[in-house]
């Protein structure tokens, strides 16, 4: 049976485009779940491991706000979003705007939720769904 080159190429493209939907394998994080699916480190040995339990995000982010307040020296205010760009909970990040990644020192102070990423937008810290860019939570004004 002869298979066309187009069919083989199409299957290859399909397989490559489906890889972001595969679950994270166990070898991409340590025993405390402190590496995300991009290989970024999210913890250090000086903090409790409950911070890195890897469960779903909570509804109440009061403890996260308090953590940022208590560790304000590790968090740097980001550049404000461009004019006309608004980050809104429940909506995707505006086209072309991704916020700024927090550095590893700041990320080590924040809880890790699989499939989500922390970003900063001006004085706000934002939790987004990594695959879709949908904003899960906006912690307004926590970076002063």
Protein backbone atom coordinates (compact mmCIF):
# COMPACT_ATOMS: atom_id res chain seq x y z
CA UNK A 1 0.00 0.00 0.00
CA UNK A 2 1.39 3.36 -1.01
CA UNK A 3 0.82 6.37 1.28
CA UNK A 4 0.99 9.82 -0.22
CA UNK A 5 3.54 12.35 1.01
CA UNK A 6 0.71 14.81 1.72
CA UNK A 7 -0.98 12.35 4.07
CA UNK A 8 2.27 11.71 5.94
CA UNK A 9 3.01 15.44 6.19
CA UNK A 10 -0.54 16.13 7.37
CA UNK A 11 -0.31 13.48 10.07
CA UNK A 12 3.01 14.91 11.22
CA UNK A 13 1.56 18.41 11.52
CA UNK A 14 -1.46 17.02 13.39
CA UNK A 15 0.77 15.20 15.86
CA UNK A 16 2.93 18.27 16.49
CA UNK A 17 -0.08 20.53 17.00
CA UNK A 18 -1.62 18.10 19.51
CA UNK A 19 1.43 17.96 21.82
CA UNK A 20 0.42 21.02 23.92
CA UNK A 21 -2.68 19.06 24.98
CA UNK A 22 -0.70 16.13 26.36
CA UNK A 23 -0.46 15.95 30.15
CA UNK A 24 2.77 16.92 31.85
CA UNK A 25 4.89 13.86 32.49
CA UNK A 26 6.28 13.06 35.91
CA UNK A 27 9.86 13.72 34.80
CA UNK A 28 9.11 17.41 34.19
CA UNK A 29 8.76 18.26 37.88
CA UNK A 30 10.44 17.32 41.10
CA UNK A 31 8.82 15.52 44.01
CA UNK A 32 7.23 18.75 45.22
CA UNK A 33 5.75 19.78 41.86
CA UNK A 34 7.88 22.90 41.69
CA UNK A 35 8.59 22.88 37.97
CA UNK A 36 5.85 23.86 35.55
CA UNK A 37 5.29 22.37 32.11
CA UNK A 38 7.77 24.88 30.66
CA UNK A 39 10.58 23.71 32.94
CA UNK A 40 10.48 26.92 35.01
CA UNK A 41 11.40 26.56 38.68
CA UNK A 42 8.65 27.56 41.12
CA UNK A 43 10.08 27.08 44.57
CA UNK A 44 12.95 26.94 46.94
CA UNK A 45 13.84 24.96 50.00
CA UNK A 46 13.10 27.81 52.44
CA UNK A 47 9.33 27.75 52.10
CA UNK A 48 6.61 25.36 53.13
CA UNK A 49 5.65 22.75 50.60
CA UNK A 50 1.94 23.53 50.94
CA UNK A 51 2.67 26.51 48.71
CA UNK A 52 3.52 24.06 45.91
CA UNK A 53 0.88 21.39 46.33
CA UNK A 54 -0.25 21.78 42.73
CA UNK A 55 -4.01 21.73 43.27
CA UNK A 56 -6.56 23.89 41.45
CA UNK A 57 -6.60 27.64 42.13
CA UNK A 58 -8.74 28.73 45.08
CA UNK A 59 -11.66 31.13 44.96
CA UNK A 60 -10.22 33.24 47.79
CA UNK A 61 -6.87 34.83 46.96
CA UNK A 62 -6.60 36.68 50.29
CA UNK A 63 -3.70 34.47 51.44
CA UNK A 64 -1.88 35.08 48.14
CA UNK A 65 -2.34 38.83 48.56
CA UNK A 66 -0.91 38.54 52.08
CA UNK A 67 2.05 36.52 50.81
CA UNK A 68 2.84 39.20 48.24
CA UNK A 69 2.50 41.90 50.90
CA UNK A 70 4.74 40.00 53.35
CA UNK A 71 7.37 39.37 50.65
CA UNK A 72 7.11 42.71 48.80
CA UNK A 73 10.90 42.87 48.40
CA UNK A 74 10.73 39.93 45.98
CA UNK A 75 8.10 41.49 43.73
CA UNK A 76 8.78 44.27 41.25
CA UNK A 77 6.11 46.42 39.69
CA UNK A 78 5.79 45.78 35.95
CA UNK A 79 5.34 48.15 33.07
CA UNK A 80 1.72 49.25 32.75
CA UNK A 81 -0.30 47.70 29.93
CA UNK A 82 -0.41 49.78 26.74
CA UNK A 83 -3.18 52.39 26.48
CA UNK A 84 -6.55 50.79 25.80
CA UNK A 85 -5.45 47.34 27.03
CA UNK A 86 -7.46 46.02 29.97
CA UNK A 87 -6.93 42.73 31.78
CA UNK A 88 -10.33 41.39 32.80
CA UNK A 89 -11.11 38.30 34.90
CA UNK A 90 -12.76 35.55 32.86
CA UNK A 91 -11.61 36.97 29.52
CA UNK A 92 -8.51 36.11 27.51
CA UNK A 93 -5.54 38.42 27.64
CA UNK A 94 -5.91 41.09 24.95
CA UNK A 95 -4.45 40.12 21.57
CA UNK A 96 -0.73 40.83 21.46
CA UNK A 97 -0.44 41.47 25.22
CA UNK A 98 0.89 38.73 27.48
CA UNK A 99 1.82 40.59 30.63
CA UNK A 100 5.28 40.16 32.09
CA UNK A 101 6.64 36.98 33.61
CA UNK A 102 7.56 37.12 37.26
CA UNK A 103 11.14 36.19 38.09
CA UNK A 104 11.94 32.94 39.90
CA UNK A 105 12.40 34.69 43.26
CA UNK A 106 8.85 36.03 43.13
CA UNK A 107 7.42 32.79 41.72
CA UNK A 108 8.97 30.83 44.58
CA UNK A 109 6.78 32.80 47.00
CA UNK A 110 3.53 32.10 45.11
CA UNK A 111 1.50 28.90 45.04
CA UNK A 112 1.82 26.75 41.95
CA UNK A 113 -1.30 25.62 40.10
CA UNK A 114 -0.78 23.17 37.21
CA UNK A 115 -1.91 24.69 33.92
CA UNK A 116 -1.78 28.28 35.21
CA UNK A 117 0.88 31.00 35.12
CA UNK A 118 1.46 34.10 37.21
CA UNK A 119 2.10 37.32 35.28
CA UNK A 120 2.33 40.98 36.20
CA UNK A 121 0.67 43.93 34.53
CA UNK A 122 1.73 47.22 36.09
CA UNK A 123 0.77 47.09 39.78
CA UNK A 124 -1.37 43.96 39.30
CA UNK A 125 -0.51 40.28 39.53
CA UNK A 126 -2.54 38.10 37.18
CA UNK A 127 -3.16 34.35 37.17
CA UNK A 128 -3.87 33.04 33.67
CA UNK A 129 -4.67 29.66 32.18
CA UNK A 130 -1.47 28.77 30.34
CA UNK A 131 -3.08 27.07 27.36
CA UNK A 132 -5.80 29.61 26.62
CA UNK A 133 -4.58 32.87 28.14
CA UNK A 134 -7.89 33.29 29.96
CA UNK A 135 -7.51 35.39 33.09
CA UNK A 136 -8.46 33.42 36.19
CA UNK A 137 -7.76 36.16 38.74
CA UNK A 138 -6.47 39.73 38.86
CA UNK A 139 -4.87 40.82 42.13
CA UNK A 140 -5.23 44.55 41.63
CA UNK A 141 -2.70 46.94 43.08
CA UNK A 142 -0.64 44.37 45.01
CA UNK A 143 2.66 45.59 43.54
CA UNK A 144 3.35 48.99 45.02
